[in-house]
Protein backbone atom coordinates (compact mmCIF):
# COMPACT_ATOMS: atom_id res chain seq x y z
CA UNK A 1 -52.25 -77.62 53.50
CA UNK A 2 -52.80 -75.90 56.84
CA UNK A 3 -52.13 -77.57 60.14
CA UNK A 4 -55.45 -78.63 61.74
CA UNK A 5 -54.28 -77.29 65.08
CA UNK A 6 -53.71 -73.78 63.79
CA UNK A 7 -57.20 -72.72 64.89
CA UNK A 8 -55.88 -72.61 68.45
CA UNK A 9 -52.96 -70.40 67.46
CA UNK A 10 -52.74 -66.67 66.85
CA UNK A 11 -52.03 -65.55 63.28
CA UNK A 12 -48.86 -63.49 63.09
CA UNK A 13 -49.18 -60.08 61.39
CA UNK A 14 -45.78 -58.72 62.44
CA UNK A 15 -42.28 -60.17 62.61
CA UNK A 16 -39.14 -59.27 64.54
CA UNK A 17 -36.00 -59.28 62.40
CA UNK A 18 -33.31 -60.33 64.86
CA UNK A 19 -30.55 -59.25 62.49
CA UNK A 20 -27.29 -58.90 64.40
CA UNK A 21 -29.01 -58.39 67.75
CA UNK A 22 -26.84 -61.13 69.29
CA UNK A 23 -23.91 -58.70 68.96
CA UNK A 24 -25.15 -55.69 71.00
CA UNK A 25 -21.66 -54.26 71.47
CA UNK A 26 -21.19 -54.09 67.68
CA UNK A 27 -24.42 -52.30 66.74
CA UNK A 28 -22.75 -48.90 66.21
CA UNK A 29 -19.71 -50.26 64.29
CA UNK A 30 -22.02 -52.40 62.15
CA UNK A 31 -24.25 -49.40 61.43
CA UNK A 32 -21.28 -47.29 60.33
CA UNK A 33 -19.85 -50.11 58.22
CA UNK A 34 -23.13 -50.89 56.43
CA UNK A 35 -23.85 -47.17 55.97
CA UNK A 36 -20.47 -46.65 54.29
CA UNK A 37 -21.01 -49.73 52.09
CA UNK A 38 -24.48 -48.53 51.10
CA UNK A 39 -23.32 -44.99 50.24
CA UNK A 40 -20.36 -46.26 48.18
CA UNK A 41 -22.55 -48.87 46.44
CA UNK A 42 -25.25 -46.39 45.46
CA UNK A 43 -22.79 -43.66 44.47
CA UNK A 44 -20.66 -46.03 42.37
CA UNK A 45 -23.58 -47.65 40.59
CA UNK A 46 -25.44 -44.39 39.95
CA UNK A 47 -22.23 -42.87 38.56
CA UNK A 48 -22.02 -45.72 36.04
CA UNK A 49 -25.70 -45.33 35.06
CA UNK A 50 -25.25 -41.60 34.48
CA UNK A 51 -22.06 -42.10 32.46
CA UNK A 52 -23.59 -44.82 30.28
CA UNK A 53 -26.63 -42.66 29.54
CA UNK A 54 -24.81 -39.36 29.04
CA UNK A 55 -21.55 -40.33 27.31
CA UNK A 56 -21.99 -41.38 23.66
CA UNK A 57 -18.64 -43.23 23.76
CA UNK A 58 -20.27 -45.74 26.12
CA UNK A 59 -23.29 -46.43 23.89
CA UNK A 60 -22.17 -50.00 23.16
CA UNK A 61 -23.67 -53.40 24.12
CA UNK A 62 -21.10 -53.95 26.87
CA UNK A 63 -21.97 -50.71 28.63
CA UNK A 64 -25.66 -51.15 27.96
CA UNK A 65 -25.52 -54.30 30.10
CA UNK A 66 -23.27 -52.61 32.67
CA UNK A 67 -25.75 -49.75 33.00
CA UNK A 68 -28.56 -52.25 33.56
CA UNK A 69 -26.46 -54.12 36.14
CA UNK A 70 -25.69 -50.90 38.00
CA UNK A 71 -29.36 -49.91 38.02
CA UNK A 72 -30.25 -53.36 39.32
CA UNK A 73 -27.57 -53.26 42.03
CA UNK A 74 -28.80 -49.86 43.24
CA UNK A 75 -32.32 -51.23 43.64
CA UNK A 76 -30.99 -54.48 45.14
CA UNK A 77 -29.02 -52.70 47.87
CA UNK A 78 -31.89 -50.33 48.54
CA UNK A 79 -34.20 -53.30 49.14
CA UNK A 80 -32.02 -54.67 51.96
CA UNK A 81 -29.73 -52.10 53.54
CA UNK A 82 -31.99 -49.14 54.49
CA UNK A 83 -34.19 -51.42 56.62
CA UNK A 84 -31.10 -52.97 58.23
CA UNK A 85 -29.58 -49.55 58.91
CA UNK A 86 -32.81 -48.33 60.52
CA UNK A 87 -32.93 -51.31 62.87
CA UNK A 88 -29.26 -50.91 63.83
CA UNK A 89 -29.76 -47.20 64.49
CA UNK A 90 -33.06 -47.27 66.39
CA UNK A 91 -33.17 -50.81 67.72
CA UNK A 92 -36.68 -51.22 66.25
CA UNK A 93 -36.64 -54.59 64.49
CA UNK A 94 -40.39 -54.99 63.96
CA UNK A 95 -41.69 -55.40 60.40
CA UNK A 96 -45.25 -56.07 59.29
CA UNK A 97 -46.14 -59.20 57.34
CA UNK A 98 -47.01 -57.18 54.23
CA UNK A 99 -43.73 -55.21 54.40
CA UNK A 100 -41.81 -58.44 54.91
CA UNK A 101 -43.41 -60.02 51.84
CA UNK A 102 -42.75 -56.86 49.81
CA UNK A 103 -39.08 -56.87 50.76
CA UNK A 104 -38.76 -60.56 49.89
CA UNK A 105 -40.56 -60.00 46.57
CA UNK A 106 -38.13 -57.32 45.38
CA UNK A 107 -35.12 -59.19 46.76
CA UNK A 108 -36.08 -62.41 44.95
CA UNK A 109 -36.99 -60.59 41.74
CA UNK A 110 -33.71 -58.66 41.57
CA UNK A 111 -31.51 -61.61 42.60
CA UNK A 112 -32.98 -63.88 39.91
CA UNK A 113 -32.75 -61.11 37.29
CA UNK A 114 -29.10 -60.52 38.21
CA UNK A 115 -28.24 -64.18 37.58
CA UNK A 116 -29.46 -63.98 33.99
CA UNK A 117 -28.06 -60.50 33.45
CA UNK A 118 -24.58 -61.66 34.50
CA UNK A 119 -24.93 -64.54 32.05
CA UNK A 120 -25.88 -62.12 29.25
CA UNK A 121 -22.86 -59.97 30.08
CA UNK A 122 -20.51 -62.97 29.98
CA UNK A 123 -21.99 -64.00 26.61
CA UNK A 124 -21.41 -60.48 25.30
CA UNK A 125 -17.73 -60.64 26.36
CA UNK A 126 -17.37 -64.11 24.84
CA UNK A 127 -18.64 -62.88 21.46
CA UNK A 128 -16.39 -59.79 21.65
CA UNK A 129 -13.25 -61.83 22.40
CA UNK A 130 -13.86 -65.07 20.51
CA UNK A 131 -15.97 -63.93 17.54
CA UNK A 132 -15.03 -60.26 17.02
CA UNK A 133 -15.89 -60.27 13.30
CA UNK A 134 -19.47 -61.34 14.07
CA UNK A 135 -19.90 -59.09 17.11
CA UNK A 136 -21.86 -56.33 15.36
CA UNK A 137 -24.35 -58.87 13.99
CA UNK A 138 -24.69 -61.12 17.04
CA UNK A 139 -24.96 -58.27 19.55
CA UNK A 140 -27.02 -55.69 17.65
CA UNK A 141 -29.44 -53.47 19.52
CA UNK A 142 -32.54 -55.66 19.20
CA UNK A 143 -30.74 -58.73 20.57
CA UNK A 144 -29.33 -56.74 23.49
CA UNK A 145 -32.82 -55.51 24.35
CA UNK A 146 -34.17 -59.06 24.19
CA UNK A 147 -31.43 -60.37 26.48
CA UNK A 148 -32.02 -57.54 28.93
CA UNK A 149 -35.81 -57.97 28.90
CA UNK A 150 -35.44 -61.75 29.25
CA UNK A 151 -33.30 -61.26 32.36
CA UNK A 152 -35.85 -59.03 34.07
CA UNK A 153 -38.80 -61.20 33.00
CA UNK A 154 -37.13 -64.39 34.29
CA UNK A 155 -36.71 -62.80 37.71
CA UNK A 156 -40.31 -61.60 37.73
CA UNK A 157 -41.74 -65.00 36.74
CA UNK A 158 -39.80 -66.93 39.38
CA UNK A 159 -40.66 -64.66 42.30
CA UNK A 160 -44.33 -64.31 41.26
CA UNK A 161 -44.76 -68.09 41.49
CA UNK A 162 -43.05 -68.14 44.89
CA UNK A 163 -45.11 -65.26 46.30
CA UNK A 164 -48.33 -66.80 44.99
CA UNK A 165 -47.56 -69.98 46.94
CA UNK A 166 -46.49 -68.06 50.06
CA UNK A 167 -49.80 -66.22 50.12
CA UNK A 168 -51.49 -69.58 50.76
CA UNK A 169 -49.52 -70.09 53.99
CA UNK A 170 -50.67 -69.26 57.51
CA UNK A 171 -48.11 -67.69 59.85
CA UNK A 172 -48.58 -68.40 63.54
CA UNK A 173 -45.15 -68.03 65.03
CA UNK A 174 -42.58 -67.72 66.26
CA UNK A 175 -42.57 -64.00 65.47
CA UNK A 176 -38.78 -63.80 65.42
CA UNK A 177 -36.95 -64.16 62.10
CA UNK A 178 -33.29 -64.96 62.68
CA UNK A 179 -32.02 -62.91 59.76
CA UNK A 180 -31.29 -59.29 58.83
CA UNK A 181 -33.91 -59.26 56.05
CA UNK A 182 -37.04 -61.20 55.08
CA UNK A 183 -35.60 -64.24 53.35
CA UNK A 184 -37.43 -67.36 52.18
CA UNK A 185 -36.20 -70.01 54.63
CA UNK A 186 -36.50 -67.90 57.83
CA UNK A 187 -40.04 -66.84 56.79
CA UNK A 188 -41.11 -70.46 56.24
CA UNK A 189 -40.00 -71.33 59.78
CA UNK A 190 -42.76 -69.06 61.12
CA UNK A 191 -45.50 -70.86 59.17
CA UNK A 192 -47.76 -73.48 60.71
CA UNK A 193 -48.85 -74.71 57.27
CA UNK A 194 -47.40 -77.68 55.41
CA UNK A 195 -44.46 -76.18 53.50
CA UNK A 196 -42.99 -79.27 51.84
CA UNK A 197 -44.46 -78.52 48.39
CA UNK A 198 -43.48 -74.88 48.77
CA UNK A 199 -39.87 -75.80 49.56
CA UNK A 200 -39.69 -78.24 46.64
CA UNK A 201 -41.08 -75.75 44.11
CA UNK A 202 -38.82 -72.97 45.35
CA UNK A 203 -35.73 -75.20 45.25
CA UNK A 204 -36.53 -76.06 41.62
CA UNK A 205 -37.06 -72.37 40.76
CA UNK A 206 -33.82 -71.43 42.52
CA UNK A 207 -31.97 -74.10 40.54
CA UNK A 208 -33.45 -72.83 37.25
CA UNK A 209 -32.48 -69.24 38.13
CA UNK A 210 -28.90 -70.05 39.12
CA UNK A 211 -27.51 -73.22 37.55
CA UNK A 212 -28.21 -72.53 33.81
CA UNK A 213 -26.94 -68.91 33.90
CA UNK A 214 -23.95 -69.95 36.01
CA UNK A 215 -23.18 -72.73 33.53
CA UNK A 216 -23.42 -70.28 30.61
CA UNK A 217 -21.22 -67.77 32.45
CA UNK A 218 -18.63 -70.42 33.25
CA UNK A 219 -18.61 -71.75 29.68
CA UNK A 220 -18.22 -68.20 28.32
CA UNK A 221 -15.21 -67.50 30.54
CA UNK A 222 -13.61 -70.84 29.66
CA UNK A 223 -13.90 -69.84 26.01
CA UNK A 224 -12.49 -66.39 26.78
CA UNK A 225 -9.55 -67.84 28.74
CA UNK A 226 -8.81 -70.27 25.90
CA UNK A 227 -8.71 -67.31 23.51
CA UNK A 228 -6.47 -65.35 25.87
CA UNK A 229 -3.96 -68.21 25.98
CA UNK A 230 -3.48 -67.74 22.24
CA UNK A 231 -2.42 -64.10 22.68
CA UNK A 232 1.30 -63.95 21.79
CA UNK A 233 2.10 -61.03 24.11
CA UNK A 234 2.66 -61.98 27.76
CA UNK A 235 1.66 -58.46 28.82
CA UNK A 236 -1.62 -58.75 26.91
CA UNK A 237 -2.30 -62.16 28.42
CA UNK A 238 -1.61 -60.90 31.93
CA UNK A 239 -3.91 -57.89 31.53
CA UNK A 240 -6.72 -59.99 30.07
CA UNK A 241 -6.34 -62.66 32.76
CA UNK A 242 -6.47 -59.98 35.47
CA UNK A 243 -9.79 -58.65 34.16
CA UNK A 244 -11.34 -62.09 33.63
CA UNK A 245 -10.22 -63.43 37.01
CA UNK A 246 -11.75 -60.41 38.75
CA UNK A 247 -15.06 -60.87 36.93
CA UNK A 248 -15.09 -64.62 37.56
CA UNK A 249 -14.29 -64.16 41.26
CA UNK A 250 -17.24 -61.84 41.85
CA UNK A 251 -19.56 -64.05 39.79
CA UNK A 252 -18.42 -67.18 41.67
CA UNK A 253 -18.98 -65.58 45.07
CA UNK A 254 -22.46 -64.40 44.05
CA UNK A 255 -23.59 -67.70 42.53
CA UNK A 256 -21.74 -69.86 45.04
CA UNK A 257 -23.35 -68.35 48.13
CA UNK A 258 -26.83 -68.35 46.55
CA UNK A 259 -26.45 -72.03 45.60
CA UNK A 260 -25.32 -72.89 49.14
CA UNK A 261 -28.27 -71.07 50.74
CA UNK A 262 -31.10 -72.04 48.39
CA UNK A 263 -30.21 -75.30 46.63
CA UNK A 264 -27.96 -77.44 48.84
CA UNK A 265 -29.59 -79.60 51.56
CA UNK A 266 -30.42 -77.57 54.67
CA UNK A 267 -27.97 -78.90 57.29
CA UNK A 268 -27.54 -77.37 60.76
CA UNK A 269 -24.04 -76.15 59.86
CA UNK A 270 -25.15 -74.37 56.67
CA UNK A 271 -28.23 -72.98 58.44
CA UNK A 272 -26.05 -71.37 61.09
CA UNK A 273 -23.94 -69.71 58.38
CA UNK A 274 -26.86 -68.47 56.25
CA UNK A 275 -26.58 -64.96 57.61
CA UNK A 276 -22.87 -64.84 56.75
CA UNK A 277 -23.42 -66.20 53.23
CA UNK A 278 -26.28 -63.74 52.72
CA UNK A 279 -23.98 -60.79 53.40
CA UNK A 280 -21.89 -61.82 50.36
CA UNK A 281 -24.69 -61.75 47.78
CA UNK A 282 -26.81 -58.96 49.27
CA UNK A 283 -24.14 -56.49 50.44
CA UNK A 284 -20.67 -57.22 49.08
CA UNK A 285 -21.54 -58.18 45.48
CA UNK A 286 -23.42 -54.91 44.73
CA UNK A 287 -20.42 -53.07 46.20
CA UNK A 288 -17.85 -55.01 44.18
CA UNK A 289 -19.62 -55.04 40.80
CA UNK A 290 -19.12 -51.35 39.91
CA UNK A 291 -15.49 -51.57 41.04
CA UNK A 292 -14.72 -54.79 39.19
CA UNK A 293 -16.77 -54.40 36.01
CA UNK A 294 -16.55 -50.68 35.36
CA UNK A 295 -14.40 -48.39 37.46
CA UNK A 296 -11.27 -50.41 36.59
CA UNK A 297 -12.13 -50.05 32.92
CA UNK A 298 -10.11 -47.54 30.89
CA UNK A 299 -13.11 -46.31 28.88
CA UNK A 300 -15.10 -45.65 32.04
CA UNK A 301 -12.20 -43.75 33.59
CA UNK A 302 -11.94 -41.65 30.43
CA UNK A 303 -15.68 -40.98 30.58
CA UNK A 304 -15.29 -39.83 34.20
CA UNK A 305 -12.48 -37.51 33.08
CA UNK A 306 -14.64 -36.03 30.31
CA UNK A 307 -17.52 -35.53 32.73
CA UNK A 308 -15.23 -33.75 35.22
CA UNK A 309 -13.85 -31.51 32.47
CA UNK A 310 -17.38 -30.54 31.39
CA UNK A 311 -18.27 -29.83 35.00
CA UNK A 312 -15.15 -27.65 35.40
CA UNK A 313 -16.00 -25.74 32.22
CA UNK A 314 -19.53 -25.22 33.53
CA UNK A 315 -18.23 -23.83 36.82
CA UNK A 316 -15.84 -21.60 34.86
CA UNK A 317 -18.82 -19.82 33.34
CA UNK A 318 -19.55 -18.36 36.77
């Protein structure tokens, strides 16, 4: 419900993303750092997508999900970082209301989809490790497609409800958004409408998009670790633990920071750290995922080697 006094206030059609403007002496170093992260993130994830599509040895459920994750991470980074890089380079932090809502839409859609996709990937690994004899049946092509489609559809449903509610709000200032991208909480602070229902609904949606998939992911890894403990070889256990701990670390950072920002009570201390937490799940996780999930994997390294050999043979023709 709109504030009755809003008729005396000017409706905001443009915001100023403050970003890291409180650190003027670090604008150039921050630009170079985020540019390097963006280039490595996009290159690493696109490499995985190309390998999964082109190399028949990677046409398995595990790499089907990895290819989807890499595609998602490329889009995810491209939703946030180019706009941040432009503002760091030019100093122009203005963004229209429609552009702000568009950025938030794709960010929310991809973040929610990633939660469920990570859960599907952990379930796939659980079946492979704990029920190997049933793997071909439980993870056949149709089921993989359903899990993948369900992940994307869950993200779309959650953000569509949120955007529909946000379109009912009136924005009358302040124009400044104390963040480096258009996120939910900073946007709400610029509204002069009653946002209590909006905050409640969004908190519930955020919980549904994070807690069940995180619980499934955690349960899957507990099952995997229990199976690893039964491996007689200490070398095999150590190698398996190394892979699982890396996966679980990235997943925990991603889920943990999202839960802190969107589900926990909004205290002054957490509010002040929102920007820091946001860097973890918007910038560092897309960078780490291709390194942790794929580029450390022997089959992916072999696929890279085969691709380089084919490229060398192609150049040899000239």
